Amino acid sequence: MKNKSFSFLTLSLALMTPLYCAADTVIIGKGTGVLWEGLPFNVTLSGSMTHSSFGLQYGLMNIGNSNTKCMSSGDLTTIAGYQALKIAPGVGLIPRATGQATYTAYDGSIKSFTGTIGLPETRGGDSGELTSPTGYGWCLPPSMTSGNNFYAPNGNRVVNISGTWALVADGTQTSSTVAIPTMYASSFSVLRTGDRYQSILPASINLRISTLACSVNTPTVINFGTVGRNLTANTELSKQTNSFNVTCTQNSGFISANVAVQFRPLTSLYEGSSNRLALAQGGGYITGEIPGLTDSGICEGNSGINFNNEAINIGKITASQSLQTFSNQIIWRLCSGGNTLPTGSVSASTEMLVTFN
């Protein structure tokens, strides 16, 4: 069989130091950029608009700190390059959400649009024409032009918004404990009777900022080189084994924490399997395995590293330790998807966070 080049080119590791240690406390440490991501939400908001008019401040698909209208853009500030809700000096909160809205227009027709809110950006519509109106943030209206006869007042509206929360920091954060405000997923009407909203971040959540910091020593680019093209589905085409060492330090306000890692796909999941990272070109996938900490990552199985933000515990640092290193290996496998396996160079990528629980 003729050899073709297959390369798993990009493994992107976000070596930050988040910590979610209890049901009511999120702890982050040093670092910049996205330091933590979690607390998933998935809500559906439905009901009639009760009025035909539409105003830009009453977005149809939104996230914010208000349950009466879209959040003011003045509540957002740039932190580490992200438009986030500031909750402590140098620290901001931002959603990574996707959504779909369906509504009944004034003429009785059914219209819909999809969009994203927060990360990577707030934008929706068929060609990205919908964005937050001037003066507002994390707000997606069905149109960028207000109108009096826009909705069928008694027609149904269904909005689904799902995602996770992220904490970002610019490196200036200092040790403290602050309350994280209640946040809502919402769908607004010009009349309060048409508003629909649901809390997606309870007010009981606190943020604790610590000095804990972790780094990972492992290759961030894995190249499988030239391998044989095998069209038998779930066949292992190549395997790479590398060191996977995590080092954690703290210099004041020492805490005890179980250290874990989480992986999030930057390319998609293969056929929806959380253990299979799809090639960007399709037709194959990558599996991962940390011996002794995960199940086997063999191609024909559905096990190993989960690329869905599930925490993989690797050890513990105690309040009496200023330094702790966890030494492991990580195994990456390149696997055939069968007849759709492409020829030539291929790539896949995942993002990793060091987390604690």
Protein backbone atom coordinates (compact mmCIF):
# COMPACT_ATOMS: atom_id res chain seq x y z
CA MET A 1 0.00 0.00 0.00
CA LYS A 2 1.37 3.36 -0.98
CA ASN A 3 2.52 5.53 1.92
CA LYS A 4 0.99 8.96 2.37
CA SER A 5 1.91 11.73 4.76
CA PHE A 6 -0.35 12.16 7.78
CA SER A 7 0.64 14.67 10.45
CA PHE A 8 -1.10 15.60 13.69
CA LEU A 9 0.39 19.05 13.52
CA THR A 10 -1.03 21.21 16.28
CA LEU A 11 -1.69 20.40 19.92
CA SER A 12 -2.46 23.74 21.55
CA LEU A 13 -2.00 23.77 25.33
CA ALA A 14 -3.35 26.65 27.40
CA LEU A 15 -1.15 26.29 30.44
CA MET A 16 -3.21 28.28 32.91
CA THR A 17 -4.10 27.71 36.55
CA PRO A 18 -7.84 27.61 37.20
CA LEU A 19 -9.49 25.88 40.14
CA TYR A 20 -13.04 24.88 40.79
CA CYS A 21 -12.82 23.43 44.27
CA ALA A 22 -16.36 23.31 45.62
CA ALA A 23 -19.99 23.75 44.63
CA ASP A 24 -19.95 27.42 45.69
CA THR A 25 -16.35 28.54 45.09
CA VAL A 26 -14.19 29.04 42.01
CA ILE A 27 -10.49 29.56 42.65
CA ILE A 28 -8.00 30.88 40.12
CA GLY A 29 -4.29 31.54 40.45
CA LYS A 30 -1.63 33.40 38.53
CA GLY A 31 -1.56 33.74 34.79
CA THR A 32 -3.13 35.65 31.93
CA GLY A 33 -5.83 34.91 29.38
CA VAL A 34 -8.50 32.28 30.01
CA LEU A 35 -7.76 30.83 33.46
CA TRP A 36 -10.88 28.78 34.05
CA GLU A 37 -13.88 27.45 32.16
CA GLY A 38 -16.85 25.52 33.49
CA LEU A 39 -20.34 25.70 35.02
CA PRO A 40 -22.15 24.61 31.83
CA PHE A 41 -25.67 25.85 31.14
CA ASN A 42 -28.41 24.98 28.68
CA VAL A 43 -31.72 26.84 28.80
CA THR A 44 -34.78 27.13 26.58
CA LEU A 45 -36.94 30.27 26.75
CA SER A 46 -40.33 30.27 25.03
CA GLY A 47 -43.62 32.14 24.85
CA SER A 48 -45.32 34.90 22.90
CA MET A 49 -43.81 38.37 22.57
CA THR A 50 -47.19 39.99 23.60
CA HIS A 51 -46.44 43.07 21.47
CA SER A 52 -45.65 43.68 17.80
CA SER A 53 -42.92 46.29 18.26
CA PHE A 54 -39.20 45.56 18.41
CA GLY A 55 -36.47 47.70 20.00
CA LEU A 56 -32.75 47.05 19.72
CA GLN A 57 -32.20 47.11 23.50
CA TYR A 58 -34.60 44.17 23.79
CA GLY A 59 -32.51 41.49 22.13
CA LEU A 60 -34.05 38.14 21.34
CA MET A 61 -31.02 36.08 22.43
CA ASN A 62 -28.85 37.51 25.21
CA ILE A 63 -26.69 36.92 28.26
CA GLY A 64 -26.14 39.54 30.93
CA ASN A 65 -26.59 40.86 34.43
CA SER A 66 -30.05 42.32 33.75
CA ASN A 67 -33.39 40.53 33.45
CA THR A 68 -35.19 43.53 31.91
CA LYS A 69 -33.07 44.52 28.90
CA CYS A 70 -29.71 43.86 27.27
CA MET A 71 -26.65 44.49 29.41
CA SER A 72 -25.03 47.88 28.99
CA SER A 73 -21.73 47.86 27.09
CA GLY A 74 -20.45 50.10 29.86
CA ASP A 75 -20.52 47.07 32.15
CA LEU A 76 -17.90 45.39 29.96
CA THR A 77 -14.20 46.18 29.98
CA THR A 78 -11.21 44.86 28.06
CA ILE A 79 -9.26 42.35 30.16
CA ALA A 80 -6.41 40.39 28.55
CA GLY A 81 -7.88 41.28 25.16
CA TYR A 82 -11.41 40.04 25.96
CA GLN A 83 -14.60 42.08 26.47
CA ALA A 84 -15.54 40.77 29.91
CA LEU A 85 -17.58 41.70 32.96
CA LYS A 86 -15.05 42.89 35.54
CA ILE A 87 -15.55 41.10 38.85
CA ALA A 88 -12.19 41.88 40.52
CA PRO A 89 -9.13 43.97 39.60
CA GLY A 90 -7.59 42.27 36.57
CA VAL A 91 -10.26 39.53 36.42
CA GLY A 92 -13.32 39.26 34.18
CA LEU A 93 -16.21 36.90 33.49
CA ILE A 94 -17.31 35.99 29.97
CA PRO A 95 -19.62 33.34 28.47
CA ARG A 96 -18.75 30.96 25.67
CA ALA A 97 -22.26 30.39 24.35
CA THR A 98 -24.11 29.36 21.22
CA GLY A 99 -27.80 29.79 20.60
CA GLN A 100 -30.72 29.56 18.22
CA ALA A 101 -33.82 31.76 18.16
CA THR A 102 -37.09 31.13 16.32
CA TYR A 103 -39.92 33.69 16.30
CA THR A 104 -43.16 34.52 14.52
CA ALA A 105 -42.96 37.63 12.34
CA TYR A 106 -45.80 40.14 12.07
CA ASP A 107 -46.95 38.59 8.77
CA GLY A 108 -47.19 35.15 10.41
CA SER A 109 -44.04 33.68 8.88
CA ILE A 110 -41.57 31.77 11.04
CA LYS A 111 -38.07 33.17 11.13
CA SER A 112 -34.91 32.02 12.90
CA PHE A 113 -31.24 32.79 13.38
CA THR A 114 -28.24 31.33 15.19
CA GLY A 115 -25.34 33.03 16.89
CA THR A 116 -22.58 33.04 19.48
CA ILE A 117 -22.33 35.17 22.61
CA GLY A 118 -19.13 36.16 24.42
CA LEU A 119 -16.40 33.85 23.15
CA PRO A 120 -15.20 33.87 20.44
CA GLU A 121 -17.45 36.87 19.66
CA THR A 122 -21.05 38.06 19.88
CA ARG A 123 -22.43 37.67 16.38
CA GLY A 124 -25.25 35.91 14.56
CA GLY A 125 -27.35 35.66 11.42
CA ASP A 126 -26.77 33.98 8.07
CA SER A 127 -23.79 36.20 7.22
CA GLY A 128 -22.84 37.48 10.66
CA GLU A 129 -24.92 40.63 10.18
CA LEU A 130 -26.34 40.56 13.72
CA THR A 131 -24.26 41.92 16.58
CA SER A 132 -24.71 43.82 19.83
CA PRO A 133 -26.40 47.20 19.22
CA THR A 134 -24.49 50.36 20.11
CA GLY A 135 -24.49 50.78 23.89
CA TYR A 136 -25.17 47.13 24.67
CA GLY A 137 -23.18 43.91 25.02
CA TRP A 138 -23.71 40.13 24.72
CA CYS A 139 -26.99 40.99 22.99
CA LEU A 140 -28.32 39.57 19.72
CA PRO A 141 -31.44 41.19 18.22
CA PRO A 142 -33.27 39.56 15.29
CA SER A 143 -32.56 42.67 13.17
CA MET A 144 -30.30 45.71 13.38
CA THR A 145 -33.30 47.97 12.65
CA SER A 146 -36.12 48.60 15.12
CA GLY A 147 -39.72 48.36 13.91
CA ASN A 148 -43.33 48.79 15.04
CA ASN A 149 -44.85 45.85 13.18
CA PHE A 150 -42.13 43.29 13.63
CA TYR A 151 -43.51 40.39 15.74
CA ALA A 152 -46.86 38.61 15.69
CA PRO A 153 -47.86 39.49 19.29
CA ASN A 154 -49.43 36.09 19.99
CA GLY A 155 -46.99 34.06 17.91
CA ASN A 156 -44.58 31.72 19.62
CA ARG A 157 -40.89 32.40 20.22
CA VAL A 158 -38.35 29.72 21.22
CA VAL A 159 -34.76 30.54 22.19
CA ASN A 160 -32.13 28.01 23.23
CA ILE A 161 -28.82 29.19 24.71
CA SER A 162 -26.09 26.80 25.90
CA GLY A 163 -22.47 27.10 26.84
CA THR A 164 -19.98 27.52 29.67
CA TRP A 165 -18.50 30.37 31.70
CA ALA A 166 -14.89 31.49 31.48
CA LEU A 167 -12.73 33.62 33.75
CA VAL A 168 -10.03 35.75 32.14
CA ALA A 169 -7.23 37.69 33.82
CA ASP A 170 -4.50 40.12 32.79
CA GLY A 171 -1.87 39.04 35.33
CA THR A 172 -2.43 41.91 37.78
CA GLN A 173 -4.89 39.95 39.96
CA THR A 174 -4.09 39.74 43.69
CA SER A 175 -5.26 37.40 46.45
CA SER A 176 -8.88 38.12 47.41
CA THR A 177 -12.37 36.63 47.60
CA VAL A 178 -15.27 38.25 45.74
CA ALA A 179 -18.85 37.35 44.90
CA ILE A 180 -19.69 36.53 41.28
CA PRO A 181 -22.95 38.28 40.28
CA THR A 182 -26.06 36.46 39.14
CA MET A 183 -26.16 36.21 35.36
CA TYR A 184 -29.11 35.51 33.08
CA ALA A 185 -29.91 34.03 29.71
CA SER A 186 -32.73 36.16 28.34
CA SER A 187 -35.11 36.91 25.51
CA PHE A 188 -36.80 40.33 25.76
CA SER A 189 -39.93 42.03 24.48
CA VAL A 190 -40.84 45.73 24.63
CA LEU A 191 -43.42 44.63 27.21
CA ARG A 192 -42.37 43.00 30.46
CA THR A 193 -45.09 40.38 29.97
CA GLY A 194 -43.17 39.09 26.95
CA ASP A 195 -39.80 38.81 28.69
CA ARG A 196 -38.31 35.37 29.27
CA TYR A 197 -35.16 34.85 31.35
CA GLN A 198 -33.43 32.28 33.53
CA SER A 199 -30.47 32.45 35.90
CA ILE A 200 -27.44 30.63 34.48
CA LEU A 201 -24.92 31.62 37.16
CA PRO A 202 -26.30 31.62 40.73
CA ALA A 203 -25.39 34.46 43.06
CA SER A 204 -24.03 31.93 45.59
CA ILE A 205 -20.84 31.43 43.55
CA ASN A 206 -17.71 33.10 44.96
CA LEU A 207 -14.34 33.71 43.30
CA ARG A 208 -11.16 33.17 45.28
CA ILE A 209 -7.90 34.39 43.78
CA SER A 210 -4.81 32.50 44.97
CA THR A 211 -1.10 32.36 44.19
CA LEU A 212 -1.25 28.78 42.89
CA ALA A 213 0.28 28.40 39.43
CA CYS A 214 0.96 25.32 37.29
CA SER A 215 2.90 24.64 34.12
CA VAL A 216 3.04 21.63 31.81
CA ASN A 217 6.14 20.20 30.17
CA THR A 218 5.10 18.19 27.12
CA PRO A 219 5.54 18.61 23.35
CA THR A 220 2.90 20.94 21.94
CA VAL A 221 3.36 19.81 18.34
CA ILE A 222 3.00 16.11 17.54
CA ASN A 223 4.09 15.00 14.08
CA PHE A 224 3.30 11.41 13.14
CA GLY A 225 5.41 11.63 10.00
CA THR A 226 4.69 9.41 7.00
CA VAL A 227 2.34 6.50 7.64
CA GLY A 228 0.60 3.88 5.55
CA ARG A 229 -2.91 4.72 4.31
CA ASN A 230 -5.24 2.08 5.76
CA LEU A 231 -8.95 2.31 4.88
CA THR A 232 -10.05 -0.10 7.60
CA ALA A 233 -12.04 1.96 10.05
CA ASN A 234 -10.63 2.39 13.57
CA THR A 235 -7.18 1.12 12.61
CA GLU A 236 -4.19 2.63 14.40
CA LEU A 237 -2.00 4.38 11.83
CA SER A 238 0.68 5.69 14.18
CA LYS A 239 1.42 6.27 17.87
CA GLN A 240 3.53 8.80 19.75
CA THR A 241 4.47 8.59 23.46
CA ASN A 242 5.76 11.70 25.24
CA SER A 243 6.44 12.94 28.75
CA PHE A 244 3.60 14.81 30.44
CA ASN A 245 4.86 16.59 33.55
CA VAL A 246 2.86 19.14 35.54
CA THR A 247 4.62 21.40 38.05
CA CYS A 248 2.64 23.52 40.53
CA THR A 249 3.91 26.25 42.85
CA GLN A 250 2.42 28.61 45.44
CA ASN A 251 4.20 31.32 47.41
CA SER A 252 1.61 32.63 49.91
CA GLY A 253 -1.87 31.84 51.19
CA PHE A 254 -1.14 28.15 50.64
CA ILE A 255 -4.10 25.91 49.79
CA SER A 256 -4.68 22.18 49.27
CA ALA A 257 -5.96 21.16 45.87
CA ASN A 258 -6.39 18.13 43.67
CA VAL A 259 -4.72 18.93 40.36
CA ALA A 260 -6.42 17.91 37.13
CA VAL A 261 -6.25 18.59 33.40
CA GLN A 262 -9.09 19.28 30.98
CA PHE A 263 -9.06 19.07 27.18
CA ARG A 264 -11.35 21.02 24.85
CA PRO A 265 -11.49 20.34 21.09
CA LEU A 266 -10.44 23.11 18.74
CA THR A 267 -11.22 20.84 15.84
CA SER A 268 -14.49 18.94 16.31
CA LEU A 269 -15.26 15.60 17.96
CA TYR A 270 -15.26 12.66 15.55
CA GLU A 271 -18.79 11.31 15.07
CA GLY A 272 -19.74 12.92 18.36
CA SER A 273 -17.43 10.73 20.44
CA SER A 274 -15.88 12.70 23.32
CA ASN A 275 -12.81 10.42 23.19
CA ARG A 276 -12.05 11.07 19.51
CA LEU A 277 -10.62 14.36 18.28
CA ALA A 278 -11.55 14.78 14.62
CA LEU A 279 -9.02 15.64 11.95
CA ALA A 280 -9.68 19.09 10.53
CA GLN A 281 -9.85 17.43 7.08
CA GLY A 282 -12.28 14.72 8.24
CA GLY A 283 -11.98 10.97 7.70
CA GLY A 284 -9.93 10.17 10.81
CA TYR A 285 -9.29 11.06 14.41
CA ILE A 286 -6.83 11.34 17.29
CA THR A 287 -7.08 9.60 20.65
CA GLY A 288 -5.18 10.37 23.83
CA GLU A 289 -4.18 8.31 26.86
CA ILE A 290 -2.41 9.09 30.13
CA PRO A 291 -1.31 5.64 31.42
CA GLY A 292 -2.48 4.99 34.96
CA LEU A 293 -4.87 7.94 34.90
CA THR A 294 -7.18 7.24 31.97
CA ASP A 295 -8.47 4.14 30.24
CA SER A 296 -6.71 2.93 27.12
CA GLY A 297 -6.87 5.19 24.09
CA ILE A 298 -6.77 2.41 21.50
CA CYS A 299 -8.40 3.38 18.22
CA GLU A 300 -11.06 0.66 18.24
CA GLY A 301 -12.25 1.70 21.69
CA ASN A 302 -14.19 4.69 22.92
CA SER A 303 -12.06 5.52 25.91
CA GLY A 304 -8.96 7.43 26.96
CA ILE A 305 -8.81 11.21 27.23
CA ASN A 306 -12.18 12.96 26.99
CA PHE A 307 -12.00 16.08 24.82
CA ASN A 308 -15.11 17.57 26.43
CA ASN A 309 -13.63 19.48 29.39
CA GLU A 310 -13.95 16.48 31.70
CA ALA A 311 -11.38 16.71 34.51
CA ILE A 312 -8.63 14.07 34.68
CA ASN A 313 -7.15 14.04 38.19
CA ILE A 314 -3.36 13.72 38.24
CA GLY A 315 -2.44 14.34 41.89
CA LYS A 316 -2.64 16.70 44.87
CA ILE A 317 -0.71 19.65 46.24
CA THR A 318 -1.14 20.30 49.98
CA ALA A 319 -1.21 23.49 52.00
CA SER A 320 2.26 22.59 53.35
CA GLN A 321 3.86 22.40 49.88
CA SER A 322 5.24 25.30 47.87
CA LEU A 323 6.24 23.00 44.97
CA GLN A 324 4.86 19.75 43.58
CA THR A 325 5.61 17.97 40.31
CA PHE A 326 3.48 15.21 38.79
CA SER A 327 5.33 13.05 36.25
CA ASN A 328 3.36 11.07 33.69
CA GLN A 329 3.36 10.03 30.04
CA ILE A 330 0.83 10.83 27.36
CA ILE A 331 0.12 8.64 24.31
CA TRP A 332 -1.36 10.06 21.11
CA ARG A 333 -2.75 7.77 18.40
CA LEU A 334 -3.64 8.61 14.81
CA CYS A 335 -6.63 6.52 13.72
CA SER A 336 -8.30 5.76 10.40
CA GLY A 337 -11.90 6.73 9.78
CA GLY A 338 -12.25 4.22 6.97
CA ASN A 339 -12.94 4.95 3.30
CA THR A 340 -13.12 8.70 3.91
CA LEU A 341 -9.54 8.86 5.21
CA PRO A 342 -7.87 11.74 3.32
CA THR A 343 -4.49 11.70 1.64
CA GLY A 344 -1.71 14.15 2.28
CA SER A 345 -1.04 16.15 5.42
CA VAL A 346 -3.77 16.36 8.04
CA SER A 347 -4.09 18.21 11.33
CA ALA A 348 -6.08 18.37 14.53
CA SER A 349 -5.86 20.52 17.63
CA THR A 350 -7.00 20.60 21.22
CA GLU A 351 -6.69 23.07 24.06
CA MET A 352 -5.69 22.05 27.58
CA LEU A 353 -6.28 23.71 30.94
CA VAL A 354 -4.66 22.73 34.21
CA THR A 355 -7.51 22.68 36.73
CA PHE A 356 -8.17 21.70 40.34
CA ASN A 357 -11.03 20.15 42.27
